[in-house]
Amino acid sequence: MKTFKSVATRWLASVSTLVLVSLLVPVSSMAKQVPTMFEPSYTPFQQETNFLTFLGSYVPENPTTATAYYKAIDPNNTKLTFPQWLKNAGFISDLSQWNPNGPQTLTSTPGDYGFGKINAAVRVIVLNAADLGFVRNQFIRCVPNCAARNSIIYTYLENYPVQVSSAEIFAIDTTVLPTPSVITAAIQDANNRPTTRIADVAFEWAPPPGNPTSTTRYGQLYTYVFHKDTTTGQITETRNWPNDPAFLSGTKVNGRTQFPPLVPVVAGDPFSPDLDGRGFKQHPGVCFICHGGTPKNLTSTGAYPRQGNVNGFRLLPLDIANLKFTSDNDPSDLLSRAAQEASIKAYNQIVLKTVPAGLETDDQGVLRVPHLAEVIRGWYAAFDGDQSMSSPTQNQTFIPRGWRESLGAPKGSEELYTTAIAPACRSCHFNRELSLDFGTEASFAADKSSILELALLPECQSNNPPPGKRPMPLARLTFANFWQSFITNGTFQYQNQYVKSHFGFTPTSYCSSKP
């Protein structure tokens, strides 16, 4: 297994997954399909803020805002390291029990602790093929338990790259189809927990800090960089950049220069992950992109508002259609989809606890639950309308009521939902407010102008998007899938073509009207 010795090498290696995952068109035809996103004349700021960034009037986060956020959610700095966070969350009972690499033992028995043991309700390991492309080894537990009505929820992800050749790290404009053996090897390797982990991301659905008896719950986010010191070999997992000059000074891989960070990477500053090969983006906004909520500007005193309580945050469900496994139904394979199906359902039932339960009226006058809640329940409905989640397996073809043609949605809505909305849009729009969660065809159509501007306009422009303009989908891998992957229904149609058809978009009818 390759050892990465610089920031650039480590993070570009993680981005190599973009080269591999879920892009199904032959390499010779792919480059023609994806709109040009990065022009040589663009500044680093312009190149780094197209994806996974909040723009508009909001100023991108920096070490000062990230430090203020951590002070808000961890005022006493009791979770500076990942083992400290694990102990606080109850996954381990003593720091000495944490094994940063090598085998683990999962246990859910109360009080069952020991070296290498993780006390969790659920564990799942998958390759996320929808947005970032990492292998994720993830765990979740609840206090007092996951059946409680208003439990505190702790979950964390160990993120691993898919290992490919160094030459492929830079093949951003073309892609290579991952074979089943590559996918299997990547997941099995992560399951063995080598010393090439990228980072650990931890989430709490918890009360405000300092008031553990409060019934309030909101999302609190931590990111920890996994680092093996280039001199001593010691492994650390901290939420700040390590003091390792050799690690921090790397700027080139195979002669290619890494994008200069918007803010210099300095030992002791909060860790800022590079999730897409376009620069280091600060915490917590880079997580809010998909988990919901919008980063807040600091108060006049330099504090992060409301103790870090950002409205709209939710945990993300495990959407099997957007995941890869070592195999599908191999009964001897404990990492297969079939073997993990029960754990995936249990995980999703816990995620549902972070979604508002009541009915709300959306901008189109429809009284409904949030899109995310309807889909999670619909995945496990044994019959239409079943709200008890009685089915043991996930129905990947579930279509929400507001997208069903039999209930009044326009013709073609169901195909649009399954071929474009589900794979390209909903993983992030799940966690937007009701007006933007795409829970009905009407809510999607109501956002037509923004969809055309952000999702389809890039095709119109020779220099696109305009500097500082973000496209949709907002994750780079999802964007590439949106323009490159086709649906195997007998025709070579792309996700973007279904959206174009729905809105009557053509270069002559729309692009010609744009500057």
Protein backbone atom coordinates (compact mmCIF):
# COMPACT_ATOMS: atom_id res chain seq x y z
CA MET A 1 0.00 0.00 0.00
CA LYS A 2 1.35 3.36 -0.99
CA THR A 3 2.38 5.83 1.71
CA PHE A 4 1.47 9.45 0.98
CA LYS A 5 4.01 11.96 2.24
CA SER A 6 2.51 15.33 1.45
CA VAL A 7 -0.76 17.18 1.69
CA ALA A 8 -1.02 17.35 -2.08
CA THR A 9 -0.22 13.69 -2.60
CA ARG A 10 -2.55 12.50 0.11
CA TRP A 11 -5.54 14.49 -0.98
CA LEU A 12 -5.09 14.08 -4.70
CA ALA A 13 -4.84 10.37 -4.07
CA SER A 14 -8.23 10.54 -2.38
CA VAL A 15 -9.59 12.37 -5.38
CA SER A 16 -8.42 9.51 -7.57
CA THR A 17 -11.75 7.92 -6.74
CA LEU A 18 -13.29 10.46 -9.08
CA VAL A 19 -11.41 8.69 -11.81
CA LEU A 20 -13.05 5.40 -10.97
CA VAL A 21 -16.59 5.54 -9.76
CA SER A 22 -19.83 5.09 -11.67
CA LEU A 23 -18.99 6.84 -14.93
CA LEU A 24 -20.11 4.37 -17.51
CA VAL A 25 -19.42 5.96 -20.91
CA PRO A 26 -16.37 4.83 -22.93
CA VAL A 27 -13.39 7.06 -22.25
CA SER A 28 -13.20 8.24 -25.86
CA SER A 29 -16.62 9.87 -25.66
CA MET A 30 -16.63 11.20 -22.12
CA ALA A 31 -14.52 14.32 -22.42
CA LYS A 32 -16.90 15.69 -25.04
CA GLN A 33 -19.87 15.37 -22.71
CA VAL A 34 -18.68 17.28 -19.64
CA PRO A 35 -18.77 21.08 -19.93
CA THR A 36 -15.45 22.81 -19.39
CA MET A 37 -15.34 23.95 -15.78
CA PHE A 38 -11.88 25.39 -15.22
CA GLU A 39 -10.22 27.84 -17.55
CA PRO A 40 -6.43 28.43 -17.42
CA SER A 41 -7.06 32.13 -16.85
CA TYR A 42 -9.07 31.54 -13.70
CA THR A 43 -7.48 32.49 -10.38
CA PRO A 44 -7.15 29.81 -7.70
CA PHE A 45 -10.18 31.35 -5.97
CA GLN A 46 -12.24 31.02 -9.12
CA GLN A 47 -11.10 27.44 -9.68
CA GLU A 48 -11.57 26.33 -6.10
CA THR A 49 -15.00 27.79 -5.40
CA ASN A 50 -17.09 26.16 -8.12
CA PHE A 51 -17.80 22.99 -6.13
CA LEU A 52 -18.65 22.33 -2.48
CA THR A 53 -18.70 26.03 -1.63
CA PHE A 54 -21.34 28.50 -0.49
CA LEU A 55 -21.09 31.64 -2.62
CA GLY A 56 -23.21 34.74 -3.15
CA SER A 57 -22.80 37.22 -0.32
CA TYR A 58 -21.20 34.63 1.91
CA VAL A 59 -17.42 34.83 2.33
CA PRO A 60 -15.74 31.38 2.29
CA GLU A 61 -14.74 30.11 5.68
CA ASN A 62 -11.20 30.31 7.02
CA PRO A 63 -9.27 29.16 10.10
CA THR A 64 -10.78 31.96 12.17
CA THR A 65 -14.38 30.98 11.43
CA ALA A 66 -13.61 27.27 11.84
CA THR A 67 -11.93 27.92 15.20
CA ALA A 68 -14.98 29.92 16.31
CA TYR A 69 -17.28 27.05 15.30
CA TYR A 70 -15.28 24.52 17.31
CA LYS A 71 -15.24 26.88 20.30
CA ALA A 72 -19.03 27.09 20.05
CA ILE A 73 -19.63 23.33 20.04
CA ASP A 74 -16.64 22.29 22.19
CA PRO A 75 -15.94 25.28 24.46
CA ASN A 76 -13.62 23.34 26.76
CA ASN A 77 -11.59 21.68 23.96
CA THR A 78 -12.37 18.20 25.24
CA LYS A 79 -12.57 16.71 21.72
CA LEU A 80 -9.36 17.93 20.10
CA THR A 81 -8.42 14.42 19.02
CA PHE A 82 -10.52 11.73 17.45
CA PRO A 83 -10.02 9.27 20.35
CA GLN A 84 -11.26 11.98 22.73
CA TRP A 85 -14.39 12.38 20.61
CA LEU A 86 -14.90 8.60 20.52
CA LYS A 87 -14.64 8.37 24.28
CA ASN A 88 -17.07 11.24 24.81
CA ALA A 89 -19.54 9.57 22.42
CA GLY A 90 -19.23 6.18 24.14
CA PHE A 91 -17.73 4.20 21.26
CA ILE A 92 -14.79 3.50 23.58
CA SER A 93 -14.52 3.97 27.35
CA ASP A 94 -10.82 4.77 27.57
CA LEU A 95 -8.36 6.40 25.15
CA SER A 96 -6.06 3.37 25.40
CA GLN A 97 -8.75 1.20 23.76
CA TRP A 98 -8.55 2.99 20.41
CA ASN A 99 -6.66 1.15 17.70
CA PRO A 100 -6.09 3.64 14.82
CA ASN A 101 -5.40 0.88 12.30
CA GLY A 102 -5.89 -2.84 12.10
CA PRO A 103 -8.86 -5.07 12.97
CA GLN A 104 -11.82 -3.94 15.03
CA THR A 105 -14.52 -5.81 16.91
CA LEU A 106 -18.07 -4.44 16.84
CA THR A 107 -20.14 -4.85 19.99
CA SER A 108 -23.49 -3.40 21.00
CA THR A 109 -23.59 -4.86 24.50
CA PRO A 110 -23.76 -2.09 27.14
CA GLY A 111 -20.49 -1.83 29.04
CA ASP A 112 -18.61 -4.12 26.65
CA TYR A 113 -15.32 -2.33 26.03
CA GLY A 114 -11.74 -3.30 25.34
CA PHE A 115 -8.82 -2.72 23.02
CA GLY A 116 -9.94 -2.67 19.41
CA LYS A 117 -13.62 -2.85 20.33
CA ILE A 118 -16.18 -0.35 19.03
CA ASN A 119 -19.40 -0.14 21.01
CA ALA A 120 -21.99 0.80 18.38
CA ALA A 121 -25.53 -0.01 17.38
CA VAL A 122 -24.73 -0.33 13.69
CA ARG A 123 -21.70 -0.55 11.43
CA VAL A 124 -21.71 -0.39 7.60
CA ILE A 125 -18.85 -0.25 5.08
CA VAL A 126 -19.55 0.88 1.51
CA LEU A 127 -18.09 2.75 -1.42
CA ASN A 128 -20.01 5.99 -1.89
CA ALA A 129 -20.48 6.31 -5.63
CA ALA A 130 -22.74 9.38 -5.54
CA ASP A 131 -20.69 12.40 -4.57
CA LEU A 132 -17.17 12.01 -3.13
CA GLY A 133 -16.30 8.45 -4.08
CA PHE A 134 -14.63 7.42 -0.82
CA VAL A 135 -14.89 4.07 0.89
CA ARG A 136 -16.68 4.78 4.14
CA ASN A 137 -16.39 2.66 7.26
CA GLN A 138 -19.16 4.12 9.40
CA PHE A 139 -20.60 3.54 12.84
CA ILE A 140 -23.58 4.90 14.76
CA ARG A 141 -24.84 4.68 18.34
CA CYS A 142 -27.54 6.38 20.41
CA VAL A 143 -27.94 7.48 24.04
CA PRO A 144 -29.78 6.13 25.96
CA ASN A 145 -30.63 3.83 23.02
CA CYS A 146 -31.76 4.06 19.41
CA ALA A 147 -35.38 3.22 20.25
CA ALA A 148 -35.74 6.26 22.51
CA ARG A 149 -37.95 9.03 21.16
CA ASN A 150 -35.43 11.89 21.48
CA SER A 151 -32.13 10.05 21.72
CA ILE A 152 -28.73 11.65 21.33
CA ILE A 153 -27.06 10.27 18.20
CA TYR A 154 -23.36 9.88 17.51
CA THR A 155 -21.98 8.71 14.18
CA TYR A 156 -18.59 8.76 12.50
CA LEU A 157 -17.05 7.85 9.16
CA GLU A 158 -13.55 6.62 8.43
CA ASN A 159 -12.86 7.73 4.86
CA TYR A 160 -10.51 5.75 2.61
CA PRO A 161 -9.39 6.40 -0.96
CA VAL A 162 -9.62 3.97 -3.84
CA GLN A 163 -6.04 3.23 -4.77
CA VAL A 164 -5.22 3.72 -8.46
CA SER A 165 -2.09 4.44 -10.41
CA SER A 166 -0.45 7.82 -9.87
CA ALA A 167 -1.02 8.74 -13.52
CA GLU A 168 -4.78 8.35 -13.08
CA ILE A 169 -4.85 10.80 -10.18
CA PHE A 170 -4.86 13.64 -12.69
CA ALA A 171 -7.26 12.10 -15.19
CA ILE A 172 -10.06 14.42 -14.11
CA ASP A 173 -11.45 14.99 -17.62
CA THR A 174 -11.65 11.29 -18.43
CA THR A 175 -12.74 8.38 -16.31
CA VAL A 176 -12.04 4.72 -15.85
CA LEU A 177 -14.78 2.23 -15.05
CA PRO A 178 -14.09 0.44 -11.77
CA THR A 179 -14.27 -3.28 -12.18
CA PRO A 180 -15.98 -5.32 -9.49
CA SER A 181 -12.57 -6.55 -8.39
CA VAL A 182 -11.32 -2.97 -7.88
CA ILE A 183 -14.40 -2.09 -5.83
CA THR A 184 -14.09 -5.27 -3.79
CA ALA A 185 -10.39 -4.71 -3.13
CA ALA A 186 -10.94 -1.11 -2.04
CA ILE A 187 -13.66 -2.02 0.45
CA GLN A 188 -11.79 -5.04 1.80
CA ASP A 189 -8.64 -2.95 2.18
CA ALA A 190 -10.54 -0.30 4.15
CA ASN A 191 -12.13 -3.03 6.25
CA ASN A 192 -8.61 -4.07 7.26
CA ARG A 193 -7.96 -0.42 8.25
CA PRO A 194 -4.52 0.33 6.79
CA THR A 195 -2.50 3.46 7.54
CA THR A 196 -3.70 5.28 4.43
CA ARG A 197 -6.92 6.61 5.89
CA ILE A 198 -7.83 10.09 4.68
CA ALA A 199 -9.78 11.48 7.58
CA ASP A 200 -12.40 10.82 10.23
CA VAL A 201 -15.64 12.80 10.16
CA ALA A 202 -17.79 12.81 13.29
CA PHE A 203 -21.37 14.00 13.82
CA GLU A 204 -23.45 14.56 16.90
CA TRP A 205 -27.21 15.04 17.11
CA ALA A 206 -26.94 16.38 20.60
CA PRO A 207 -27.94 19.03 23.15
CA PRO A 208 -26.12 22.37 23.40
CA PRO A 209 -22.68 22.07 25.00
CA GLY A 210 -22.83 22.67 28.72
CA ASN A 211 -26.51 21.68 28.97
CA PRO A 212 -26.63 17.89 28.61
CA THR A 213 -30.16 17.63 30.05
CA SER A 214 -31.68 19.89 27.39
CA THR A 215 -34.23 18.28 25.08
CA THR A 216 -32.89 20.35 22.16
CA ARG A 217 -30.99 18.40 19.51
CA TYR A 218 -28.97 19.80 16.64
CA GLY A 219 -26.09 18.77 14.42
CA GLN A 220 -22.53 19.31 15.61
CA LEU A 221 -19.71 18.40 13.21
CA TYR A 222 -16.03 17.51 13.61
CA THR A 223 -13.33 16.60 11.08
CA TYR A 224 -10.06 14.91 12.06
CA VAL A 225 -7.06 14.50 9.80
CA PHE A 226 -5.45 11.05 9.91
CA HIS A 227 -1.67 11.52 9.90
CA LYS A 228 1.36 9.27 10.13
CA ASP A 229 4.35 11.42 10.97
CA THR A 230 6.96 11.37 8.21
CA THR A 231 9.81 11.20 10.76
CA THR A 232 8.57 9.25 13.76
CA GLY A 233 5.85 7.14 12.14
CA GLN A 234 3.51 8.05 14.97
CA ILE A 235 -0.20 8.12 14.06
CA THR A 236 -2.31 11.06 15.17
CA GLU A 237 -5.91 11.97 14.44
CA THR A 238 -6.54 15.59 15.30
CA ARG A 239 -8.86 18.35 14.16
CA ASN A 240 -5.89 20.63 13.50
CA TRP A 241 -3.14 20.34 10.91
CA PRO A 242 -0.19 18.45 12.42
CA ASN A 243 3.22 19.98 13.01
CA ASP A 244 4.99 17.96 10.34
CA PRO A 245 6.84 20.26 7.90
CA ALA A 246 7.47 17.48 5.38
CA PHE A 247 3.76 16.67 5.31
CA LEU A 248 2.63 20.29 5.01
CA SER A 249 5.17 21.44 2.44
CA GLY A 250 4.27 19.08 -0.40
CA THR A 251 3.02 21.03 -3.41
CA LYS A 252 3.60 18.73 -6.40
CA VAL A 253 2.71 15.25 -7.55
CA ASN A 254 4.29 13.89 -10.74
CA GLY A 255 5.30 17.42 -11.69
CA ARG A 256 1.76 18.80 -11.40
CA THR A 257 1.23 21.67 -9.03
CA GLN A 258 -1.53 21.40 -6.45
CA PHE A 259 -3.96 24.31 -6.42
CA PRO A 260 -2.66 26.94 -4.02
CA PRO A 261 -4.93 26.96 -0.97
CA LEU A 262 -7.09 30.05 -0.53
CA VAL A 263 -5.67 30.23 2.99
CA PRO A 264 -2.15 28.88 3.65
CA VAL A 265 -2.06 25.52 5.38
CA VAL A 266 -0.43 26.14 8.78
CA ALA A 267 0.26 23.67 11.57
CA GLY A 268 -2.22 24.19 14.39
CA ASP A 269 -4.97 25.67 12.20
CA PRO A 270 -8.21 23.69 11.85
CA PHE A 271 -7.97 20.88 9.34
CA SER A 272 -9.58 21.79 5.98
CA PRO A 273 -10.14 18.79 3.70
CA ASP A 274 -9.69 18.81 -0.08
CA LEU A 275 -12.59 16.63 -1.15
CA ASP A 276 -12.49 17.15 -4.91
CA GLY A 277 -8.93 18.03 -5.91
CA ARG A 278 -9.73 21.76 -6.14
CA GLY A 279 -8.31 23.09 -2.91
CA PHE A 280 -8.81 22.90 0.83
CA LYS A 281 -12.27 24.00 1.98
CA GLN A 282 -12.98 24.83 5.57
CA HIS A 283 -15.13 23.20 8.16
CA PRO A 284 -18.08 23.14 8.77
CA GLY A 285 -19.44 24.63 5.51
CA VAL A 286 -17.92 21.94 3.32
CA CYS A 287 -20.06 19.44 5.27
CA PHE A 288 -23.20 21.60 5.31
CA ILE A 289 -23.24 21.47 1.50
CA CYS A 290 -24.88 18.05 1.67
CA HIS A 291 -25.85 17.69 5.31
CA GLY A 292 -28.00 20.83 5.24
CA GLY A 293 -27.78 24.30 6.70
CA THR A 294 -25.75 27.33 5.71
CA PRO A 295 -22.57 28.54 7.44
CA LYS A 296 -23.04 31.58 9.64
CA ASN A 297 -21.03 34.78 9.77
CA LEU A 298 -19.43 35.47 13.12
CA THR A 299 -20.93 37.96 15.54
CA SER A 300 -19.31 41.32 16.24
CA THR A 301 -17.45 39.67 19.11
CA GLY A 302 -16.04 36.93 16.88
CA ALA A 303 -18.32 34.19 18.19
CA TYR A 304 -20.10 31.58 16.10
CA PRO A 305 -23.84 32.25 16.61
CA ARG A 306 -26.20 30.06 18.64
CA GLN A 307 -23.51 27.71 19.95
CA GLY A 308 -23.09 26.31 16.45
CA ASN A 309 -26.79 25.49 16.02
CA VAL A 310 -27.36 25.72 12.26
CA ASN A 311 -30.92 25.08 11.15
CA GLY A 312 -31.43 22.40 8.53
CA PHE A 313 -28.68 19.93 9.41
CA ARG A 314 -29.58 16.24 9.10
CA LEU A 315 -27.74 12.96 8.87
CA LEU A 316 -27.55 11.44 5.39
CA PRO A 317 -29.26 8.11 4.65
CA LEU A 318 -27.65 5.11 3.02
CA ASP A 319 -29.12 5.06 -0.49
CA ILE A 320 -28.24 1.62 -1.87
CA ALA A 321 -28.66 2.71 -5.49
CA ASN A 322 -25.79 5.16 -5.01
CA LEU A 323 -23.50 2.77 -3.15
CA LYS A 324 -21.09 0.02 -4.18
CA PHE A 325 -20.40 -3.18 -2.28
CA THR A 326 -17.92 -6.03 -2.46
CA SER A 327 -20.73 -8.08 -4.01
CA ASP A 328 -24.48 -8.11 -4.21
CA ASN A 329 -25.89 -11.38 -2.87
CA ASP A 330 -22.91 -13.62 -2.12
CA PRO A 331 -24.00 -15.42 1.10
CA SER A 332 -20.39 -16.02 2.11
CA ASP A 333 -19.43 -12.34 1.79
CA LEU A 334 -20.03 -10.43 5.03
CA LEU A 335 -19.38 -7.11 3.24
CA SER A 336 -21.93 -7.73 0.50
CA ARG A 337 -25.07 -5.68 0.02
CA ALA A 338 -27.25 -8.56 1.18
CA ALA A 339 -25.19 -9.13 4.33
CA GLN A 340 -25.37 -5.44 5.26
CA GLU A 341 -29.00 -4.83 4.30
CA ALA A 342 -30.30 -5.11 7.88
CA SER A 343 -27.61 -2.75 9.16
CA ILE A 344 -28.39 -0.27 6.40
CA LYS A 345 -32.06 -0.28 7.37
CA ALA A 346 -31.22 0.20 11.05
CA TYR A 347 -28.91 3.09 10.15
CA ASN A 348 -31.61 4.75 8.05
CA GLN A 349 -34.16 4.38 10.85
CA ILE A 350 -31.80 6.34 13.07
CA VAL A 351 -31.24 8.98 10.38
CA LEU A 352 -35.01 9.47 10.27
CA LYS A 353 -34.83 10.79 13.85
CA THR A 354 -33.02 13.91 12.60
CA VAL A 355 -35.82 14.80 10.15
CA PRO A 356 -38.83 16.92 11.21
CA ALA A 357 -41.73 14.53 11.72
CA GLY A 358 -44.68 16.86 11.13
CA LEU A 359 -46.53 17.76 7.96
CA GLU A 360 -45.74 21.11 6.38
CA THR A 361 -47.24 23.03 3.49
CA ASP A 362 -44.73 23.68 0.71
CA ASP A 363 -44.65 26.64 -1.68
CA GLN A 364 -46.99 24.84 -4.06
CA GLY A 365 -49.63 24.37 -1.34
CA VAL A 366 -48.96 20.66 -0.87
CA LEU A 367 -49.21 19.39 2.71
CA ARG A 368 -46.46 16.81 3.05
CA VAL A 369 -43.53 15.50 5.03
CA PRO A 370 -39.97 16.37 3.94
CA HIS A 371 -38.70 14.49 0.90
CA LEU A 372 -36.10 12.67 2.99
CA ALA A 373 -38.68 11.33 5.44
CA GLU A 374 -41.01 10.14 2.68
CA VAL A 375 -38.21 8.34 0.84
CA ILE A 376 -36.76 6.57 3.90
CA ARG A 377 -40.20 5.27 4.87
CA GLY A 378 -41.01 4.46 1.25
CA TRP A 379 -37.82 2.46 0.83
CA TYR A 380 -39.07 0.04 3.50
CA ALA A 381 -42.82 0.06 2.82
CA ALA A 382 -44.19 -3.47 2.45
CA PHE A 383 -47.13 -2.02 0.51
CA ASP A 384 -48.06 1.40 -0.86
CA GLY A 385 -48.77 3.73 2.04
CA ASP A 386 -47.09 1.52 4.65
CA GLN A 387 -45.49 3.83 7.23
CA SER A 388 -44.22 1.11 9.55
CA MET A 389 -41.05 0.33 7.56
CA SER A 390 -41.92 -3.37 7.75
CA SER A 391 -39.96 -4.47 4.68
CA PRO A 392 -36.48 -5.82 5.51
CA THR A 393 -34.91 -4.68 2.23
CA GLN A 394 -34.65 -1.32 0.52
CA ASN A 395 -36.89 -0.68 -2.49
CA GLN A 396 -34.52 1.27 -4.72
CA THR A 397 -37.27 2.12 -7.20
CA PHE A 398 -39.56 3.92 -4.73
CA ILE A 399 -41.10 7.08 -6.20
CA PRO A 400 -42.58 9.78 -3.92
CA ARG A 401 -46.26 10.57 -4.34
CA GLY A 402 -45.60 14.02 -5.78
CA TRP A 403 -43.68 12.45 -8.68
CA ARG A 404 -46.27 9.81 -9.56
CA GLU A 405 -48.10 10.28 -12.83
CA SER A 406 -51.15 8.37 -11.51
CA LEU A 407 -51.51 11.12 -8.88
CA GLY A 408 -51.29 14.01 -11.30
CA ALA A 409 -47.59 14.52 -12.03
CA PRO A 410 -46.81 15.32 -15.69
CA LYS A 411 -46.03 12.49 -18.06
CA GLY A 412 -42.38 11.49 -17.82
CA SER A 413 -42.03 12.58 -14.18
CA GLU A 414 -41.40 9.10 -12.85
CA GLU A 415 -38.65 8.38 -15.36
CA LEU A 416 -37.11 11.78 -14.66
CA TYR A 417 -37.12 11.03 -10.94
CA THR A 418 -35.50 7.60 -11.18
CA THR A 419 -32.94 8.47 -13.87
CA ALA A 420 -31.86 11.98 -12.84
CA ILE A 421 -33.31 13.27 -9.57
CA ALA A 422 -32.49 10.20 -7.49
CA PRO A 423 -28.84 9.80 -8.60
CA ALA A 424 -27.91 13.43 -9.28
CA CYS A 425 -30.01 15.72 -7.07
CA ARG A 426 -31.66 14.29 -4.02
CA SER A 427 -28.61 13.28 -1.96
CA CYS A 428 -28.04 16.99 -1.22
CA HIS A 429 -31.51 18.44 -1.84
CA PHE A 430 -32.87 15.95 0.70
CA ASN A 431 -31.49 18.30 3.33
CA ARG A 432 -32.70 21.61 1.97
CA GLU A 433 -35.79 23.43 3.18
CA LEU A 434 -39.14 22.20 1.91
CA SER A 435 -39.13 24.71 -0.97
CA LEU A 436 -35.89 23.22 -2.33
CA ASP A 437 -36.03 19.55 -1.33
CA PHE A 438 -37.49 18.40 -4.70
CA GLY A 439 -40.07 16.27 -2.91
CA THR A 440 -42.59 16.78 -5.72
CA GLU A 441 -42.37 17.38 -9.45
CA ALA A 442 -44.09 20.72 -8.88
CA SER A 443 -41.41 21.84 -6.41
CA PHE A 444 -38.71 20.82 -8.88
CA ALA A 445 -40.41 22.65 -11.77
CA ALA A 446 -40.88 25.75 -9.61
CA ASP A 447 -37.10 26.03 -9.41
CA LYS A 448 -36.77 25.86 -13.20
CA SER A 449 -34.85 29.12 -13.61
CA SER A 450 -32.18 28.12 -11.09
CA ILE A 451 -31.96 24.60 -12.49
CA LEU A 452 -31.42 25.92 -16.00
CA GLU A 453 -28.92 28.50 -14.79
CA LEU A 454 -26.88 26.21 -12.55
CA ALA A 455 -27.35 22.70 -13.94
CA LEU A 456 -27.67 23.28 -17.69
CA LEU A 457 -26.19 26.68 -18.49
CA PRO A 458 -22.59 25.39 -18.22
CA GLU A 459 -23.16 23.65 -21.54
CA CYS A 460 -23.91 26.99 -23.20
CA GLN A 461 -20.73 28.85 -22.37
CA SER A 462 -17.25 28.65 -23.75
CA ASN A 463 -15.88 29.92 -20.45
CA ASN A 464 -18.02 28.26 -17.87
CA PRO A 465 -19.15 28.63 -15.27
CA PRO A 466 -18.49 32.36 -14.93
CA PRO A 467 -15.75 32.95 -12.34
CA GLY A 468 -17.28 32.56 -8.91
CA LYS A 469 -20.43 30.86 -10.23
CA ARG A 470 -21.26 27.45 -8.86
CA PRO A 471 -22.85 24.74 -11.02
CA MET A 472 -25.24 21.99 -10.07
CA PRO A 473 -24.78 19.25 -9.03
CA LEU A 474 -22.51 20.86 -6.48
CA ALA A 475 -20.24 17.86 -5.88
CA ARG A 476 -17.69 17.38 -8.64
CA LEU A 477 -18.17 13.61 -9.01
CA THR A 478 -21.95 14.02 -9.15
CA PHE A 479 -21.53 16.76 -11.76
CA ALA A 480 -19.38 14.46 -13.90
CA ASN A 481 -21.93 11.66 -13.55
CA PHE A 482 -24.72 14.06 -14.49
CA TRP A 483 -23.07 14.83 -17.83
CA GLN A 484 -21.34 11.52 -18.55
CA SER A 485 -23.30 8.52 -17.35
CA PHE A 486 -26.08 6.98 -19.38
CA ILE A 487 -29.06 4.91 -18.38
CA THR A 488 -28.93 1.33 -19.61
CA ASN A 489 -32.46 1.22 -20.96
CA GLY A 490 -31.50 0.51 -24.52
CA THR A 491 -30.53 4.07 -25.40
CA PHE A 492 -27.48 6.18 -24.70
CA GLN A 493 -29.23 8.88 -22.70
CA TYR A 494 -27.59 10.95 -20.02
CA GLN A 495 -29.01 12.25 -16.74
CA ASN A 496 -28.83 15.81 -18.03
CA GLN A 497 -30.87 14.86 -21.10
CA TYR A 498 -33.86 13.93 -18.97
CA VAL A 499 -33.76 17.34 -17.29
CA LYS A 500 -33.35 19.08 -20.67
CA SER A 501 -36.32 17.21 -22.08
CA HIS A 502 -38.46 18.01 -19.05
CA PHE A 503 -37.87 21.74 -19.45
CA GLY A 504 -37.64 21.82 -23.24
CA PHE A 505 -34.04 22.97 -23.02
CA THR A 506 -32.04 23.14 -26.26
CA PRO A 507 -28.93 25.15 -27.14
CA THR A 508 -30.90 27.13 -29.73
CA SER A 509 -33.88 27.88 -27.49
CA TYR A 510 -31.99 28.71 -24.31
CA CYS A 511 -28.26 29.12 -24.81
CA SER A 512 -28.63 31.64 -27.61
CA SER A 513 -30.49 33.97 -25.26
CA LYS A 514 -27.58 34.02 -22.82
CA PRO A 515 -24.46 36.18 -23.11
